[in-house]
Protein backbone atom coordinates (compact mmCIF):
# COMPACT_ATOMS: atom_id res chain seq x y z
CA MET A 1 0.00 0.00 0.00
CA ASP A 2 1.47 3.34 -0.97
CA LEU A 3 0.68 6.90 0.11
CA GLN A 4 -1.96 7.41 -2.61
CA ASP A 5 -3.86 4.29 -1.47
CA ILE A 6 -3.84 5.52 2.13
CA GLU A 7 -5.21 8.94 1.07
CA LEU A 8 -8.03 7.29 -0.88
CA LEU A 9 -8.88 5.04 2.06
CA GLY A 10 -8.93 8.04 4.42
CA SER A 11 -11.26 9.91 2.08
CA LYS A 12 -13.67 6.98 1.94
CA VAL A 13 -13.67 6.60 5.73
CA SER A 14 -14.26 10.33 6.17
CA SER A 15 -17.15 10.24 3.67
CA LEU A 16 -18.69 7.21 5.41
CA LYS A 17 -18.39 8.90 8.80
CA ARG A 18 -20.20 12.02 7.49
CA SER A 19 -23.00 9.92 6.01
CA LEU A 20 -23.48 8.04 9.29
CA GLU A 21 -23.75 11.31 11.20
CA ALA A 22 -26.39 12.74 8.86
CA PRO A 23 -29.99 12.75 10.11
CA VAL A 24 -32.27 10.02 8.84
CA VAL A 25 -34.77 11.20 6.26
CA THR A 26 -37.98 9.32 5.57
CA VAL A 27 -39.17 9.56 1.98
CA HIS A 28 -42.77 8.80 1.03
CA MET A 29 -43.40 7.98 -2.61
CA MET A 30 -46.89 8.17 -4.02
CA CYS A 31 -48.20 7.01 -7.34
CA HIS A 32 -49.78 9.86 -9.20
CA SER A 33 -52.41 10.07 -11.86
CA HIS A 34 -53.68 13.15 -13.60
CA MET A 35 -57.24 13.45 -14.86
CA ASP A 36 -58.03 16.62 -16.79
CA VAL A 37 -61.64 17.69 -16.45
CA GLY A 38 -63.08 17.90 -19.96
CA PHE A 39 -59.84 17.32 -21.90
CA GLN A 40 -60.70 14.66 -24.53
CA GLN A 41 -64.25 13.92 -23.48
CA THR A 42 -66.84 15.91 -21.61
CA ALA A 43 -66.30 15.81 -17.87
CA GLU A 44 -69.40 13.63 -17.50
CA GLU A 45 -68.27 11.13 -20.17
CA TYR A 46 -64.78 10.87 -18.72
CA TYR A 47 -66.20 10.36 -15.24
CA ALA A 48 -68.57 7.62 -16.43
CA ASN A 49 -66.02 5.89 -18.68
CA ARG A 50 -62.92 6.04 -16.49
CA VAL A 51 -63.01 7.86 -13.19
CA ARG A 52 -65.96 6.22 -11.41
CA GLY A 53 -64.27 2.82 -11.65
CA ILE A 54 -61.05 4.24 -10.23
CA PHE A 55 -62.87 5.61 -7.19
CA ASP A 56 -64.83 2.40 -6.67
CA SER A 57 -61.69 0.24 -6.71
CA VAL A 58 -59.63 2.66 -4.60
CA ILE A 59 -62.33 2.94 -1.94
CA ALA A 60 -62.59 -0.85 -1.76
CA ALA A 61 -58.82 -1.09 -1.29
CA LEU A 62 -58.85 1.62 1.39
CA GLN A 63 -61.63 -0.15 3.27
CA ALA A 64 -59.69 -3.43 3.11
CA ASP A 65 -56.41 -1.96 4.41
CA ALA A 66 -56.42 1.03 6.76
CA ARG A 67 -52.68 1.58 6.15
CA LEU A 68 -53.34 2.72 2.59
CA LYS A 69 -53.74 6.37 1.63
CA PHE A 70 -55.18 8.02 -1.48
CA SER A 71 -54.82 11.52 -2.84
CA ILE A 72 -56.60 13.20 -5.73
CA THR A 73 -56.47 16.74 -7.02
CA GLU A 74 -59.53 16.73 -9.28
CA VAL A 75 -62.22 17.56 -6.73
CA TYR A 76 -64.87 17.77 -9.46
CA TYR A 77 -64.64 14.01 -10.02
CA PHE A 78 -64.67 13.20 -6.32
CA ALA A 79 -67.76 15.39 -5.90
CA GLN A 80 -69.52 13.49 -8.70
CA TRP A 81 -68.64 10.17 -7.08
CA TRP A 82 -69.64 11.35 -3.58
CA LEU A 83 -73.03 12.66 -4.72
CA ASN A 84 -73.88 9.19 -6.06
CA GLN A 85 -73.02 7.31 -2.85
CA THR A 86 -75.43 5.88 -0.32
CA ASP A 87 -75.87 7.28 3.20
CA GLU A 88 -74.08 4.18 4.43
CA MET A 89 -71.00 5.08 2.38
CA HIS A 90 -71.10 8.69 3.61
């Protein structure tokens, strides 16, 4: 082992020590879907053809596993789904 090898080893140990001292960061990754209201179909057609089924399957999954979370930005579609639910679902 020569002087250059020792310097490289010292650099790696120093880098490892810094990374071990850094605070732990928890990263949450979420799948994302984007549904434009009225982009290629009317909002009502898109809801009936695509979105309603998404909400139905997601709600079933959420009811089956309380650890799951769901996020949506298109409130229009959620409002349409919610208005068509039973009192029991509410």
